[in-house]
Amino acid sequence: MSENRKNSGVRIDKNTSSLEAIKARAPHWIHHTRNDETYWGGVIYLPECDCSECGFTVTRERKRCPHCGCLMW
């Protein structure tokens, strides 16, 4: 096993959930939301979203952020 691949995992501390550790490690889209009591669940996820790395807002999800170039998962 190569050294780069062995160190590329996600490290989880005792008081951290695995979901939070993955979100901190991997770039992802953060969707804008709107509260709507008539909608099931009370929250509507809008197509606009922000890059977790640079905060750039796009109108829909893409494979890469057009601002910083991060590959999303």
C-alpha atoms as a PDB file:
ATOM      1  CA  MET A   1       0.000   0.000   0.000  1.00  0.00           C
ATOM      2  CA  SER A   2       1.413   3.370  -0.951  1.00  0.00           C
ATOM      3  CA  GLU A   3       2.091   5.967   1.741  1.00  0.00           C
ATOM      4  CA  ASN A   4      -0.248   8.561   0.162  1.00  0.00           C
ATOM      5  CA  ARG A   5      -3.206   6.185   0.106  1.00  0.00           C
ATOM      6  CA  LYS A   6      -2.641   5.054   3.689  1.00  0.00           C
ATOM      7  CA  ASN A   7      -2.837   8.630   5.022  1.00  0.00           C
ATOM      8  CA  SER A   8      -5.816   9.746   2.910  1.00  0.00           C
ATOM      9  CA  GLY A   9      -8.567   8.491   5.243  1.00  0.00           C
ATOM     10  CA  VAL A  10     -10.857  10.474   7.501  1.00  0.00           C
ATOM     11  CA  ARG A  11      -9.758  10.784  11.121  1.00  0.00           C
ATOM     12  CA  ILE A  12     -12.607  10.793  13.669  1.00  0.00           C
ATOM     13  CA  ASP A  13     -12.137  12.102  17.203  1.00  0.00           C
ATOM     14  CA  LYS A  14     -14.059  10.678  20.176  1.00  0.00           C
ATOM     15  CA  ASN A  15     -16.579  13.537  20.390  1.00  0.00           C
ATOM     16  CA  THR A  16     -17.142  13.917  16.626  1.00  0.00           C
ATOM     17  CA  SER A  17     -19.787  12.133  14.571  1.00  0.00           C
ATOM     18  CA  SER A  18     -18.657  10.349  11.423  1.00  0.00           C
ATOM     19  CA  LEU A  19     -20.924  12.535   9.269  1.00  0.00           C
ATOM     20  CA  GLU A  20     -19.350  15.733  10.626  1.00  0.00           C
ATOM     21  CA  ALA A  21     -15.844  14.331  10.067  1.00  0.00           C
ATOM     22  CA  ILE A  22     -16.633  13.465   6.436  1.00  0.00           C
ATOM     23  CA  LYS A  23     -18.224  16.881   5.813  1.00  0.00           C
ATOM     24  CA  ALA A  24     -15.115  18.595   7.175  1.00  0.00           C
ATOM     25  CA  ARG A  25     -12.869  16.493   4.915  1.00  0.00           C
ATOM     26  CA  ALA A  26     -14.774  16.302   1.601  1.00  0.00           C
ATOM     27  CA  PRO A  27     -15.951  19.295  -0.464  1.00  0.00           C
ATOM     28  CA  HIS A  28     -19.739  19.361  -0.843  1.00  0.00           C
ATOM     29  CA  TRP A  29     -22.653  21.609  -1.768  1.00  0.00           C
ATOM     30  CA  ILE A  30     -24.641  23.325   0.997  1.00  0.00           C
ATOM     31  CA  HIS A  31     -28.187  23.929  -0.244  1.00  0.00           C
ATOM     32  CA  HIS A  32     -30.201  27.014   0.586  1.00  0.00           C
ATOM     33  CA  THR A  33     -33.433  26.222   2.412  1.00  0.00           C
ATOM     34  CA  ARG A  34     -36.769  27.896   3.011  1.00  0.00           C
ATOM     35  CA  ASN A  35     -39.210  27.147   5.822  1.00  0.00           C
ATOM     36  CA  ASP A  36     -42.679  26.279   4.588  1.00  0.00           C
ATOM     37  CA  GLU A  37     -45.261  24.914   7.020  1.00  0.00           C
ATOM     38  CA  THR A  38     -47.470  23.630   4.170  1.00  0.00           C
ATOM     39  CA  TYR A  39     -44.672  21.411   2.826  1.00  0.00           C
ATOM     40  CA  TRP A  40     -44.135  17.939   4.308  1.00  0.00           C
ATOM     41  CA  GLY A  41     -41.210  18.208   6.759  1.00  0.00           C
ATOM     42  CA  GLY A  42     -41.478  21.996   6.956  1.00  0.00           C
ATOM     43  CA  VAL A  43     -38.331  22.723   4.894  1.00  0.00           C
ATOM     44  CA  ILE A  44     -37.901  23.163   1.141  1.00  0.00           C
ATOM     45  CA  TYR A  45     -34.412  22.689  -0.312  1.00  0.00           C
ATOM     46  CA  LEU A  46     -33.811  25.267  -3.045  1.00  0.00           C
ATOM     47  CA  PRO A  47     -31.652  24.640  -6.152  1.00  0.00           C
ATOM     48  CA  GLU A  48     -29.175  27.380  -5.145  1.00  0.00           C
ATOM     49  CA  CYS A  49     -26.217  26.075  -3.152  1.00  0.00           C
ATOM     50  CA  ASP A  50     -22.844  27.196  -1.752  1.00  0.00           C
ATOM     51  CA  CYS A  51     -19.448  25.515  -2.074  1.00  0.00           C
ATOM     52  CA  SER A  52     -18.219  24.250   1.313  1.00  0.00           C
ATOM     53  CA  GLU A  53     -14.641  25.228   0.430  1.00  0.00           C
ATOM     54  CA  CYS A  54     -14.915  28.787  -0.920  1.00  0.00           C
ATOM     55  CA  GLY A  55     -18.562  29.784  -0.269  1.00  0.00           C
ATOM     56  CA  PHE A  56     -19.307  30.564  -3.929  1.00  0.00           C
ATOM     57  CA  THR A  57     -23.041  30.392  -4.744  1.00  0.00           C
ATOM     58  CA  VAL A  58     -24.276  28.552  -7.850  1.00  0.00           C
ATOM     59  CA  THR A  59     -27.801  28.085  -9.206  1.00  0.00           C
ATOM     60  CA  ARG A  60     -27.599  24.259  -9.159  1.00  0.00           C
ATOM     61  CA  GLU A  61     -25.225  21.458  -8.140  1.00  0.00           C
ATOM     62  CA  ARG A  62     -22.257  20.758 -10.404  1.00  0.00           C
ATOM     63  CA  LYS A  63     -19.477  18.194 -10.386  1.00  0.00           C
ATOM     64  CA  ARG A  64     -16.905  20.956  -9.812  1.00  0.00           C
ATOM     65  CA  CYS A  65     -17.084  24.359  -8.207  1.00  0.00           C
ATOM     66  CA  PRO A  66     -16.699  26.946 -10.994  1.00  0.00           C
ATOM     67  CA  HIS A  67     -14.917  29.320  -8.617  1.00  0.00           C
ATOM     68  CA  CYS A  68     -12.282  27.209  -6.818  1.00  0.00           C
ATOM     69  CA  GLY A  69     -12.354  24.012  -8.943  1.00  0.00           C
ATOM     70  CA  CYS A  70     -12.985  21.558  -6.086  1.00  0.00           C
ATOM     71  CA  LEU A  71     -14.403  18.199  -7.156  1.00  0.00           C
ATOM     72  CA  MET A  72     -17.610  17.556  -5.230  1.00  0.00           C
ATOM     73  CA  TRP A  73     -18.756  14.158  -3.933  1.00  0.00           C
END
